[in-house]
Amino acid sequence: MTGIIDLHTHTFFSDGELVPSELIRRAEAMGYEAIAITDHIDASNIDLVVPRIVSVLNKIRAHISIEALPGAEITHVPPPLIPDLVKEARALGAKIVVVHGETLIEPVAPGTNRAAIDAAADILAHPGLISEEDILLAKEKGVMLEITSRKGHSLSNGYVAKHAMRLGATLCINTDSHSPSDLITQDLASKILLAAGIEKSHIQSIFANSKAVLEKILRRN
């Protein structure tokens, strides 16, 4: 079994505990295949955070054994502003753009899920009770919907999994790690997917979705 591909994590550039190098080293030691650093951004810090992540990953890339991707998570941004921030994050070097979806445990502005999908973000994180209409649009736009191991945000995993699988939208699993203890193994990721109601026969296809995104990014570089 290959290592996990985790496309949603945080460092001390936002509200995580670790510097990027330590987060990556810990993921490497756990057998990760790839990790994306996707710190929280809005208009106040995007020009600081994304270039710094790009810079440190460029410096350490030759000295690590896993793929490490610079990214960003657009967080609690008014929905009309999301498209421009998606474009700006990519222009600054983000290879993965996540939008902080309408989780059950935070007062995310209504319409955030739709704005993220319309903007063709790569991943809509913890989208909560996402509508069927938005799931179908995510399928059409190729936006991955996240199953998460993150406490609290994971409350809606079963709902997201059930309706995304029924409607044919693309799912991925990420940790939304903020601390070392948040990192998970591939075996635990499989159990989280099972617990979300995904049949065992479909689990490898969800891992393959993240693998396909990773390979697409690497081909561009």
Protein backbone atom coordinates (compact mmCIF):
# COMPACT_ATOMS: atom_id res chain seq x y z
CA MET A 1 0.00 0.00 0.00
CA THR A 2 1.37 3.44 -0.94
CA GLY A 3 1.55 6.32 1.49
CA ILE A 4 -1.19 8.84 2.00
CA ILE A 5 -1.51 11.93 -0.19
CA ASP A 6 -2.70 14.71 2.09
CA LEU A 7 -3.69 17.88 0.25
CA HIS A 8 -4.86 20.03 3.19
CA THR A 9 -2.52 20.89 6.10
CA HIS A 10 -1.46 23.92 8.13
CA THR A 11 1.75 25.32 9.58
CA PHE A 12 2.56 28.26 11.82
CA PHE A 13 2.06 30.55 8.83
CA SER A 14 -1.59 30.37 9.91
CA ASP A 15 -2.89 28.41 12.89
CA GLY A 16 -0.76 25.28 12.75
CA GLU A 17 1.86 24.39 15.34
CA LEU A 18 4.87 23.51 13.18
CA VAL A 19 7.18 25.16 10.69
CA PRO A 20 6.78 23.66 7.21
CA SER A 21 10.04 21.71 7.38
CA GLU A 22 9.00 19.90 10.57
CA LEU A 23 5.51 19.13 9.33
CA ILE A 24 6.97 17.68 6.16
CA ARG A 25 9.60 15.68 8.04
CA ARG A 26 6.97 14.20 10.34
CA ALA A 27 4.80 13.28 7.34
CA GLU A 28 7.83 11.76 5.64
CA ALA A 29 8.60 9.67 8.75
CA MET A 30 5.01 8.37 8.75
CA GLY A 31 5.33 7.15 5.19
CA TYR A 32 3.42 9.87 3.39
CA GLU A 33 3.68 9.98 -0.39
CA ALA A 34 2.81 13.67 -0.67
CA ILE A 35 1.66 16.63 1.37
CA ALA A 36 0.32 20.08 0.51
CA ILE A 37 0.87 23.06 2.79
CA THR A 38 -2.39 25.02 2.58
CA ASP A 39 -2.33 27.70 5.23
CA HIS A 40 -5.35 29.92 5.83
CA ILE A 41 -5.38 33.06 3.72
CA ASP A 42 -7.57 36.01 2.86
CA ALA A 43 -6.77 39.36 1.24
CA SER A 44 -4.74 40.41 4.28
CA ASN A 45 -1.99 37.80 4.04
CA ILE A 46 -2.11 35.97 0.71
CA ASP A 47 0.86 37.91 -0.65
CA LEU A 48 2.94 37.00 2.40
CA VAL A 49 1.97 33.40 3.10
CA VAL A 50 1.88 31.78 -0.33
CA PRO A 51 5.29 33.07 -1.52
CA ARG A 52 6.91 32.02 1.77
CA ILE A 53 5.56 28.50 1.45
CA VAL A 54 6.75 28.36 -2.16
CA SER A 55 10.19 29.59 -1.07
CA VAL A 56 10.77 27.08 1.71
CA LEU A 57 9.54 24.15 -0.36
CA ASN A 58 11.84 25.10 -3.22
CA LYS A 59 14.78 25.12 -0.80
CA ILE A 60 14.11 21.74 0.81
CA ARG A 61 12.68 19.82 -2.16
CA ALA A 62 15.99 18.19 -3.13
CA HIS A 63 16.48 16.93 0.42
CA ILE A 64 13.16 15.20 1.13
CA SER A 65 11.72 11.91 -0.08
CA ILE A 66 8.07 12.97 -0.43
CA GLU A 67 6.36 15.43 -2.72
CA ALA A 68 5.60 18.71 -0.96
CA LEU A 69 3.24 21.13 -2.69
CA PRO A 70 2.65 24.81 -1.92
CA GLY A 71 -0.98 25.72 -1.54
CA ALA A 72 -3.51 27.90 0.25
CA GLU A 73 -6.85 27.58 2.01
CA ILE A 74 -9.14 30.54 1.36
CA THR A 75 -10.91 30.92 4.69
CA HIS A 76 -14.02 32.85 5.80
CA VAL A 77 -13.80 35.14 2.78
CA PRO A 78 -17.03 36.77 1.57
CA PRO A 79 -18.20 34.58 -1.32
CA PRO A 80 -18.01 37.30 -4.03
CA LEU A 81 -14.28 37.72 -3.29
CA ILE A 82 -13.37 34.04 -3.57
CA PRO A 83 -12.82 33.85 -7.36
CA ASP A 84 -10.21 36.61 -7.40
CA LEU A 85 -8.36 35.05 -4.45
CA VAL A 86 -8.30 31.65 -6.18
CA LYS A 87 -6.67 33.30 -9.19
CA GLU A 88 -4.25 35.29 -7.04
CA ALA A 89 -3.18 32.25 -5.04
CA ARG A 90 -2.36 30.37 -8.23
CA ALA A 91 -0.51 33.36 -9.67
CA LEU A 92 1.62 33.47 -6.50
CA GLY A 93 2.58 29.81 -6.91
CA ALA A 94 -0.06 27.78 -5.08
CA LYS A 95 -0.36 24.37 -6.72
CA ILE A 96 -3.40 23.37 -4.62
CA VAL A 97 -6.15 25.86 -3.79
CA VAL A 98 -8.56 24.78 -1.08
CA VAL A 99 -11.62 26.74 0.01
CA HIS A 100 -12.85 26.43 3.59
CA GLY A 101 -16.34 25.12 3.05
CA GLU A 102 -19.57 25.50 5.00
CA THR A 103 -18.62 23.27 7.92
CA LEU A 104 -21.24 22.62 10.59
CA ILE A 105 -19.06 23.99 13.38
CA GLU A 106 -18.20 27.46 12.13
CA PRO A 107 -20.30 30.39 10.86
CA VAL A 108 -19.04 30.22 7.28
CA ALA A 109 -20.96 32.60 5.04
CA PRO A 110 -23.78 30.94 3.07
CA GLY A 111 -22.84 30.73 -0.58
CA THR A 112 -19.20 29.88 0.12
CA ASN A 113 -19.57 26.34 -1.24
CA ARG A 114 -21.07 27.62 -4.49
CA ALA A 115 -18.47 30.38 -4.88
CA ALA A 116 -15.62 27.91 -4.40
CA ILE A 117 -17.06 25.58 -7.02
CA ASP A 118 -17.81 28.37 -9.49
CA ALA A 119 -14.20 29.55 -9.06
CA ALA A 120 -12.95 26.02 -9.83
CA ALA A 121 -10.93 25.67 -6.64
CA ASP A 122 -9.15 22.32 -6.46
CA ILE A 123 -10.79 21.18 -3.22
CA LEU A 124 -13.87 22.25 -1.29
CA ALA A 125 -12.94 21.39 2.29
CA HIS A 126 -15.47 20.03 4.80
CA PRO A 127 -18.49 21.31 2.84
CA GLY A 128 -21.06 20.49 5.52
CA LEU A 129 -24.63 19.95 4.32
CA ILE A 130 -23.76 20.80 0.73
CA SER A 131 -26.74 20.95 -1.60
CA GLU A 132 -27.38 18.42 -4.33
CA GLU A 133 -27.18 21.24 -6.87
CA ASP A 134 -23.71 22.20 -5.63
CA ILE A 135 -22.54 18.58 -5.64
CA LEU A 136 -23.58 18.25 -9.26
CA LEU A 137 -21.80 21.51 -10.12
CA ALA A 138 -18.66 20.27 -8.34
CA LYS A 139 -18.83 17.14 -10.48
CA GLU A 140 -19.14 19.23 -13.62
CA LYS A 141 -16.29 21.58 -12.64
CA GLY A 142 -13.96 18.85 -11.38
CA VAL A 143 -13.82 20.25 -7.84
CA MET A 144 -13.02 17.57 -5.26
CA LEU A 145 -15.18 17.36 -2.15
CA GLU A 146 -13.32 16.57 1.04
CA ILE A 147 -13.80 13.81 3.55
CA THR A 148 -11.80 14.94 6.57
CA SER A 149 -10.21 13.38 9.62
CA ARG A 150 -10.37 16.74 11.41
CA LYS A 151 -12.36 16.76 14.65
CA GLY A 152 -15.60 18.71 14.32
CA HIS A 153 -15.39 19.19 10.58
CA SER A 154 -15.78 15.42 10.21
CA LEU A 155 -19.33 15.56 11.58
CA SER A 156 -20.71 15.84 8.06
CA ASN A 157 -18.48 13.17 6.47
CA GLY A 158 -21.31 10.67 6.20
CA TYR A 159 -23.62 13.15 4.49
CA VAL A 160 -20.94 14.30 2.04
CA ALA A 161 -19.87 10.75 1.23
CA LYS A 162 -23.41 9.46 0.74
CA HIS A 163 -24.53 12.16 -1.66
CA ALA A 164 -21.25 12.62 -3.51
CA MET A 165 -21.05 8.89 -4.22
CA ARG A 166 -24.69 8.81 -5.30
CA LEU A 167 -24.26 11.74 -7.66
CA GLY A 168 -20.80 10.83 -8.95
CA ALA A 169 -18.81 13.77 -7.56
CA THR A 170 -15.10 13.33 -6.89
CA LEU A 171 -14.08 12.75 -3.28
CA CYS A 172 -10.74 12.98 -1.53
CA ILE A 173 -9.60 12.47 2.05
CA ASN A 174 -7.39 14.97 3.88
CA THR A 175 -6.36 15.61 7.47
CA ASP A 176 -6.61 19.40 7.76
CA SER A 177 -3.64 18.89 10.11
CA HIS A 178 -2.78 21.63 12.57
CA SER A 179 -0.54 19.60 14.88
CA PRO A 180 1.68 16.49 14.64
CA SER A 181 -1.00 14.29 16.14
CA ASP A 182 -3.37 15.16 13.28
CA LEU A 183 -1.31 13.31 10.68
CA ILE A 184 -2.71 9.87 9.83
CA THR A 185 -1.67 6.63 8.17
CA GLN A 186 -3.19 5.18 5.03
CA ASP A 187 -4.77 2.47 7.17
CA LEU A 188 -6.54 5.02 9.38
CA ALA A 189 -7.61 6.98 6.31
CA SER A 190 -9.24 3.80 5.00
CA LYS A 191 -11.10 3.33 8.28
CA ILE A 192 -12.33 6.94 8.23
CA LEU A 193 -13.72 6.41 4.75
CA LEU A 194 -15.42 3.20 5.86
CA ALA A 195 -16.88 5.02 8.86
CA ALA A 196 -18.25 7.68 6.51
CA GLY A 197 -20.26 4.95 4.80
CA ILE A 198 -18.07 4.40 1.77
CA GLU A 199 -17.94 0.77 0.65
CA LYS A 200 -14.59 -0.97 0.93
CA SER A 201 -14.55 -1.58 -2.82
CA HIS A 202 -14.60 2.19 -3.46
CA ILE A 203 -11.85 3.26 -1.06
CA GLN A 204 -8.93 2.82 -3.44
CA SER A 205 -10.70 4.95 -6.04
CA ILE A 206 -10.83 7.84 -3.55
CA PHE A 207 -7.11 7.55 -2.88
CA ALA A 208 -6.65 7.45 -6.64
CA ASN A 209 -8.41 10.82 -6.98
CA SER A 210 -5.69 12.51 -4.92
CA LYS A 211 -3.04 10.58 -6.84
CA ALA A 212 -4.46 11.85 -10.13
CA VAL A 213 -4.33 15.47 -8.92
CA LEU A 214 -0.76 15.01 -7.72
CA GLU A 215 0.34 13.54 -11.04
CA LYS A 216 -1.38 16.33 -12.96
CA ILE A 217 0.51 18.95 -10.92
CA LEU A 218 3.84 17.18 -11.35
CA ARG A 219 3.35 16.95 -15.11
CA ARG A 220 2.86 20.73 -15.26
CA ASN A 221 6.15 21.40 -13.44
